[in-house]
Amino acid sequence: MDKRGASKKMFKLKKRKTNKFYEKIETYVLNVVLIFLLGILSFRFFLPYCAPTKHKIENMTFSSVKKLEGNNFEAFLQRAEFIFEKSKENPFYDSSKKIVFCFHSNKKFYSFLSFGKSLGFAMSFGKFNVIHFSETDFVNNTVTGRAKKYNVRKLDDSAVHELTHVYLSKGLSVIDFLFIPVWKNEGIAECIASSSSYDIKNGLENFYKDVNDKSKQYEYFKYRLAVSYLTKKKNLSYDDVLKFKQLKFKDILEEIKQYDKDVVLSWLE
């Protein structure tokens, strides 16, 4: 074998060893990521059952990761009863859904579990559902996220919002549910909750002035604005909003700007 042939052989051997080394690194990294994600999923799923304070009402279980006593515990029970009764008013209400609420006391830990979702998030597994909330104050009826502003909301409203996500699958196929546009999904939830985490008067000022506010809170305000216009002005039902695929979010916002600000405000109040 000449020197050139030997050199090529050595090069191929080195390349093969290098490729195997990188394959091992990739496998290791993928395993670490998988274990991390499974760990997060396990925490999300099992944490409510390990919580020191729990209360069950029919198909709903309420749990607090912080042990509650005295006034805090009484307020916790009152909020649980109110949320349970309020859930029955939801136009998408489904009594067959089993729902577990998990209320957190540490914003950083909640943010770790939620991958940064500000106030709450829902996980659905068919008829079984888990809803997590950020730092919760039962006495003052508030839930607080880590956003720099507009980061406090009434717990009741936040609960109605997340419950709407859980109930929204009623009557929809899995495919249809998965492909609901974000603005419809979040806008309907905001409308049924009848509130926003973004002040509506400030929101309208920014909307008419085309202020470039990229916060998630402002996006949700615009989602609510669009769905409110369709249901209050166009007299569409929530089912119609979900069904009509020709509805375009940007076009709807442009239509809204043709109306006086006070008229638009009346749709949101």
Protein backbone atom coordinates (compact mmCIF):
# COMPACT_ATOMS: atom_id res chain seq x y z
CA MET A 1 0.00 0.00 0.00
CA ASP A 2 1.42 3.40 -0.98
CA LYS A 3 1.62 6.39 1.37
CA ARG A 4 -1.47 8.02 -0.17
CA GLY A 5 -3.58 4.89 0.38
CA ALA A 6 -2.37 4.55 3.95
CA SER A 7 -3.15 8.21 4.60
CA LYS A 8 -6.69 7.84 3.27
CA LYS A 9 -7.25 4.78 5.45
CA MET A 10 -6.03 6.61 8.54
CA PHE A 11 -8.29 9.55 7.71
CA LYS A 12 -11.33 7.27 7.40
CA LEU A 13 -10.53 5.60 10.73
CA LYS A 14 -10.20 8.97 12.48
CA LYS A 15 -13.45 10.19 10.92
CA ARG A 16 -15.25 7.01 12.03
CA LYS A 17 -13.98 7.42 15.60
CA THR A 18 -14.99 11.10 15.58
CA ASN A 19 -18.46 10.24 14.34
CA LYS A 20 -18.89 7.58 17.04
CA PHE A 21 -17.75 10.09 19.68
CA TYR A 22 -20.32 12.64 18.54
CA GLU A 23 -23.01 9.98 18.35
CA LYS A 24 -22.32 9.11 22.00
CA ILE A 25 -22.51 12.79 22.97
CA GLU A 26 -25.81 13.21 21.10
CA THR A 27 -27.25 10.10 22.75
CA TYR A 28 -26.15 11.33 26.18
CA VAL A 29 -27.64 14.80 25.63
CA LEU A 30 -30.92 13.36 24.31
CA ASN A 31 -31.16 11.06 27.33
CA VAL A 32 -30.54 13.96 29.72
CA VAL A 33 -33.20 16.08 27.98
CA LEU A 34 -35.67 13.18 28.01
CA ILE A 35 -35.09 12.51 31.72
CA PHE A 36 -35.48 16.24 32.46
CA LEU A 37 -38.78 16.45 30.55
CA LEU A 38 -40.10 13.27 32.18
CA GLY A 39 -39.15 14.72 35.56
CA ILE A 40 -41.06 17.93 34.84
CA LEU A 41 -44.06 15.94 33.62
CA SER A 42 -43.98 13.77 36.76
CA PHE A 43 -43.85 16.84 39.00
CA ARG A 44 -46.75 18.41 37.13
CA PHE A 45 -48.82 15.26 37.42
CA PHE A 46 -48.05 13.93 40.92
CA LEU A 47 -47.37 17.13 42.89
CA PRO A 48 -51.07 17.89 43.54
CA TYR A 49 -51.50 14.46 45.15
CA CYS A 50 -48.54 15.04 47.47
CA ALA A 51 -49.74 18.48 48.53
CA PRO A 52 -50.35 18.89 52.29
CA THR A 53 -53.70 20.69 51.83
CA LYS A 54 -56.42 19.10 49.72
CA HIS A 55 -60.18 19.46 49.32
CA LYS A 56 -62.46 17.44 47.03
CA ILE A 57 -65.80 18.53 45.60
CA GLU A 58 -67.42 15.94 43.35
CA ASN A 59 -65.27 15.75 40.19
CA MET A 60 -62.83 18.48 41.32
CA THR A 61 -59.85 18.22 43.66
CA PHE A 62 -58.22 21.38 45.03
CA SER A 63 -54.69 21.20 46.44
CA SER A 64 -52.18 23.68 47.81
CA VAL A 65 -48.44 22.94 47.86
CA LYS A 66 -48.27 25.09 51.00
CA LYS A 67 -49.91 23.81 54.19
CA LEU A 68 -52.80 26.14 54.95
CA GLU A 69 -54.24 26.88 58.37
CA GLY A 70 -56.65 29.33 60.01
CA ASN A 71 -57.95 32.13 57.77
CA ASN A 72 -55.90 30.89 54.81
CA PHE A 73 -57.50 27.45 55.00
CA GLU A 74 -61.02 28.90 55.34
CA ALA A 75 -60.39 31.17 52.35
CA PHE A 76 -59.06 28.17 50.40
CA LEU A 77 -62.30 26.25 51.05
CA GLN A 78 -64.43 29.25 50.05
CA ARG A 79 -62.51 29.75 46.80
CA ALA A 80 -62.82 26.05 46.00
CA GLU A 81 -66.60 26.14 46.49
CA PHE A 82 -66.92 29.29 44.39
CA ILE A 83 -64.79 27.93 41.52
CA PHE A 84 -66.77 24.67 41.53
CA GLU A 85 -70.11 26.51 41.28
CA LYS A 86 -68.74 28.98 38.75
CA SER A 87 -67.56 26.13 36.52
CA LYS A 88 -71.17 25.07 35.94
CA GLU A 89 -71.91 28.43 34.28
CA ASN A 90 -69.29 27.81 31.60
CA PRO A 91 -71.00 27.39 28.19
CA PHE A 92 -68.65 24.48 27.45
CA TYR A 93 -69.12 22.81 30.86
CA ASP A 94 -68.52 19.06 30.86
CA SER A 95 -69.36 17.25 34.11
CA SER A 96 -67.50 14.11 32.99
CA LYS A 97 -64.13 15.89 33.23
CA LYS A 98 -62.08 15.09 36.32
CA ILE A 99 -60.09 18.16 37.30
CA VAL A 100 -57.25 18.61 39.79
CA PHE A 101 -56.18 22.13 40.74
CA CYS A 102 -52.70 22.76 42.11
CA PHE A 103 -52.02 26.14 43.74
CA HIS A 104 -48.38 27.17 44.19
CA SER A 105 -46.75 29.43 46.77
CA ASN A 106 -43.39 29.93 45.04
CA LYS A 107 -43.30 31.82 41.72
CA LYS A 108 -39.83 30.57 40.79
CA PHE A 109 -40.73 26.92 41.25
CA TYR A 110 -43.99 27.41 39.37
CA SER A 111 -42.11 29.14 36.53
CA PHE A 112 -39.72 26.17 36.38
CA LEU A 113 -42.64 23.73 36.03
CA SER A 114 -44.57 25.88 33.59
CA PHE A 115 -41.68 26.87 31.31
CA GLY A 116 -42.46 30.53 31.97
CA LYS A 117 -46.27 30.54 31.62
CA SER A 118 -47.30 33.53 33.67
CA LEU A 119 -50.38 32.72 35.77
CA GLY A 120 -51.65 29.24 35.03
CA PHE A 121 -51.68 26.31 32.62
CA ALA A 122 -53.79 23.23 32.02
CA MET A 123 -52.75 19.68 31.14
CA SER A 124 -55.36 17.40 29.57
CA PHE A 125 -55.36 13.62 29.31
CA GLY A 126 -58.81 12.84 27.94
CA LYS A 127 -61.24 13.05 30.85
CA PHE A 128 -58.45 13.70 33.36
CA ASN A 129 -57.03 17.21 33.71
CA VAL A 130 -54.54 19.05 35.92
CA ILE A 131 -54.48 22.84 36.25
CA HIS A 132 -51.53 24.62 37.90
CA PHE A 133 -51.58 28.21 39.19
CA SER A 134 -48.74 30.54 40.10
CA GLU A 135 -48.34 32.06 43.59
CA THR A 136 -51.84 32.13 45.08
CA ASP A 137 -53.32 34.30 47.82
CA PHE A 138 -56.70 32.82 48.82
CA VAL A 139 -57.57 35.56 51.30
CA ASN A 140 -57.14 38.32 48.69
CA ASN A 141 -58.35 36.11 45.83
CA THR A 142 -55.29 36.75 43.64
CA VAL A 143 -52.80 34.78 41.58
CA THR A 144 -49.45 36.42 40.76
CA GLY A 145 -47.08 35.69 37.88
CA ARG A 146 -43.53 36.77 37.13
CA ALA A 147 -44.36 39.27 34.39
CA LYS A 148 -42.91 42.73 35.09
CA LYS A 149 -46.34 44.37 34.88
CA TYR A 150 -49.97 43.33 34.73
CA ASN A 151 -48.91 40.22 36.62
CA VAL A 152 -51.74 40.00 39.16
CA ARG A 153 -55.18 38.61 38.44
CA LYS A 154 -58.19 37.46 40.42
CA LEU A 155 -57.86 33.77 41.16
CA ASP A 156 -61.52 33.18 40.24
CA ASP A 157 -61.04 34.72 36.79
CA SER A 158 -57.83 32.81 36.17
CA ALA A 159 -59.57 29.57 37.19
CA VAL A 160 -62.46 30.23 34.77
CA HIS A 161 -59.93 30.93 32.01
CA GLU A 162 -58.05 27.65 32.52
CA LEU A 163 -61.26 25.65 32.95
CA THR A 164 -62.43 26.96 29.58
CA HIS A 165 -59.31 25.44 27.97
CA VAL A 166 -60.20 22.12 29.60
CA TYR A 167 -63.87 22.26 28.56
CA LEU A 168 -63.25 23.65 25.07
CA SER A 169 -62.67 20.17 23.64
CA LYS A 170 -66.34 19.31 24.22
CA GLY A 171 -67.89 18.17 20.93
CA LEU A 172 -64.63 18.63 18.99
CA SER A 173 -62.50 15.94 17.42
CA VAL A 174 -58.92 15.66 18.67
CA ILE A 175 -57.65 17.11 15.38
CA ASP A 176 -60.04 20.08 15.48
CA PHE A 177 -59.14 20.78 19.11
CA LEU A 178 -55.40 20.67 18.46
CA PHE A 179 -55.71 23.07 15.53
CA ILE A 180 -57.82 25.76 17.20
CA PRO A 181 -55.99 29.04 16.43
CA VAL A 182 -54.36 30.55 19.52
CA TRP A 183 -56.36 33.79 19.25
CA LYS A 184 -59.64 31.84 19.35
CA ASN A 185 -58.52 29.51 22.14
CA GLU A 186 -57.23 32.28 24.39
CA GLY A 187 -59.77 34.89 23.30
CA ILE A 188 -62.75 32.70 24.17
CA ALA A 189 -61.17 31.81 27.53
CA GLU A 190 -60.63 35.53 28.28
CA CYS A 191 -64.20 36.42 27.27
CA ILE A 192 -65.76 33.71 29.42
CA ALA A 193 -63.57 34.82 32.34
CA SER A 194 -64.84 38.39 31.65
CA SER A 195 -61.49 39.91 32.53
CA SER A 196 -57.99 40.59 31.30
CA SER A 197 -54.59 40.62 32.96
CA TYR A 198 -54.03 43.83 30.94
CA ASP A 199 -56.00 46.95 31.87
CA ILE A 200 -58.65 47.30 29.16
CA LYS A 201 -58.54 51.12 28.96
CA ASN A 202 -54.76 51.10 28.57
CA GLY A 203 -55.15 48.26 26.11
CA LEU A 204 -57.55 50.24 23.93
CA GLU A 205 -55.30 53.32 24.04
CA ASN A 206 -52.38 51.20 22.85
CA PHE A 207 -54.54 49.44 20.27
CA TYR A 208 -55.76 52.65 18.61
CA LYS A 209 -52.29 54.20 18.72
CA ASP A 210 -50.67 51.05 17.28
CA VAL A 211 -48.29 50.85 20.23
CA ASN A 212 -45.73 48.08 19.74
CA ASP A 213 -46.36 46.20 22.99
CA LYS A 214 -45.08 42.63 22.59
CA SER A 215 -46.07 41.43 26.06
CA LYS A 216 -48.13 38.25 26.28
CA GLN A 217 -50.68 40.13 28.41
CA TYR A 218 -51.32 42.61 25.58
CA GLU A 219 -51.60 39.80 23.05
CA TYR A 220 -54.26 38.15 25.21
CA PHE A 221 -56.07 41.48 25.48
CA LYS A 222 -56.25 41.66 21.66
CA TYR A 223 -57.47 38.06 21.49
CA ARG A 224 -60.28 38.96 23.91
CA LEU A 225 -61.01 42.12 21.91
CA ALA A 226 -61.40 40.13 18.67
CA VAL A 227 -63.70 37.49 20.18
CA SER A 228 -65.74 40.17 22.01
CA TYR A 229 -66.31 41.95 18.70
CA LEU A 230 -67.49 38.74 17.04
CA THR A 231 -69.85 37.80 19.87
CA LYS A 232 -71.10 41.25 20.99
CA LYS A 233 -71.23 43.08 17.65
CA LYS A 234 -71.51 40.30 15.07
CA ASN A 235 -73.73 38.17 17.36
CA LEU A 236 -71.78 34.98 16.74
CA SER A 237 -71.82 32.23 19.34
CA TYR A 238 -68.57 30.83 20.72
CA ASP A 239 -69.29 27.68 18.69
CA ASP A 240 -69.58 29.83 15.56
CA VAL A 241 -66.25 31.49 16.33
CA LEU A 242 -64.64 28.06 16.58
CA LYS A 243 -66.40 26.71 13.49
CA PHE A 244 -65.88 29.55 10.99
CA LYS A 245 -62.39 29.00 9.63
CA GLN A 246 -62.55 32.04 7.34
CA LEU A 247 -62.25 34.40 10.32
CA LYS A 248 -58.83 36.09 10.23
CA PHE A 249 -57.42 37.70 13.36
CA LYS A 250 -55.66 40.63 11.64
CA ASP A 251 -58.70 41.43 9.50
CA ILE A 252 -60.94 41.45 12.58
CA LEU A 253 -58.64 43.91 14.38
CA GLU A 254 -58.75 46.24 11.37
CA GLU A 255 -62.55 46.10 11.36
CA ILE A 256 -62.66 47.01 15.05
CA LYS A 257 -60.67 50.18 14.45
CA GLN A 258 -63.58 51.54 12.41
CA TYR A 259 -65.62 51.85 15.62
CA ASP A 260 -65.48 54.55 18.28
CA LYS A 261 -63.33 53.67 21.27
CA ASP A 262 -66.22 54.03 23.77
CA VAL A 263 -68.32 51.61 21.73
CA VAL A 264 -65.51 49.07 21.72
CA LEU A 265 -65.03 49.56 25.46
CA SER A 266 -68.68 48.62 26.04
CA TRP A 267 -68.01 45.19 24.49
CA LEU A 268 -65.35 44.53 27.11
CA GLU A 269 -67.09 45.82 30.24
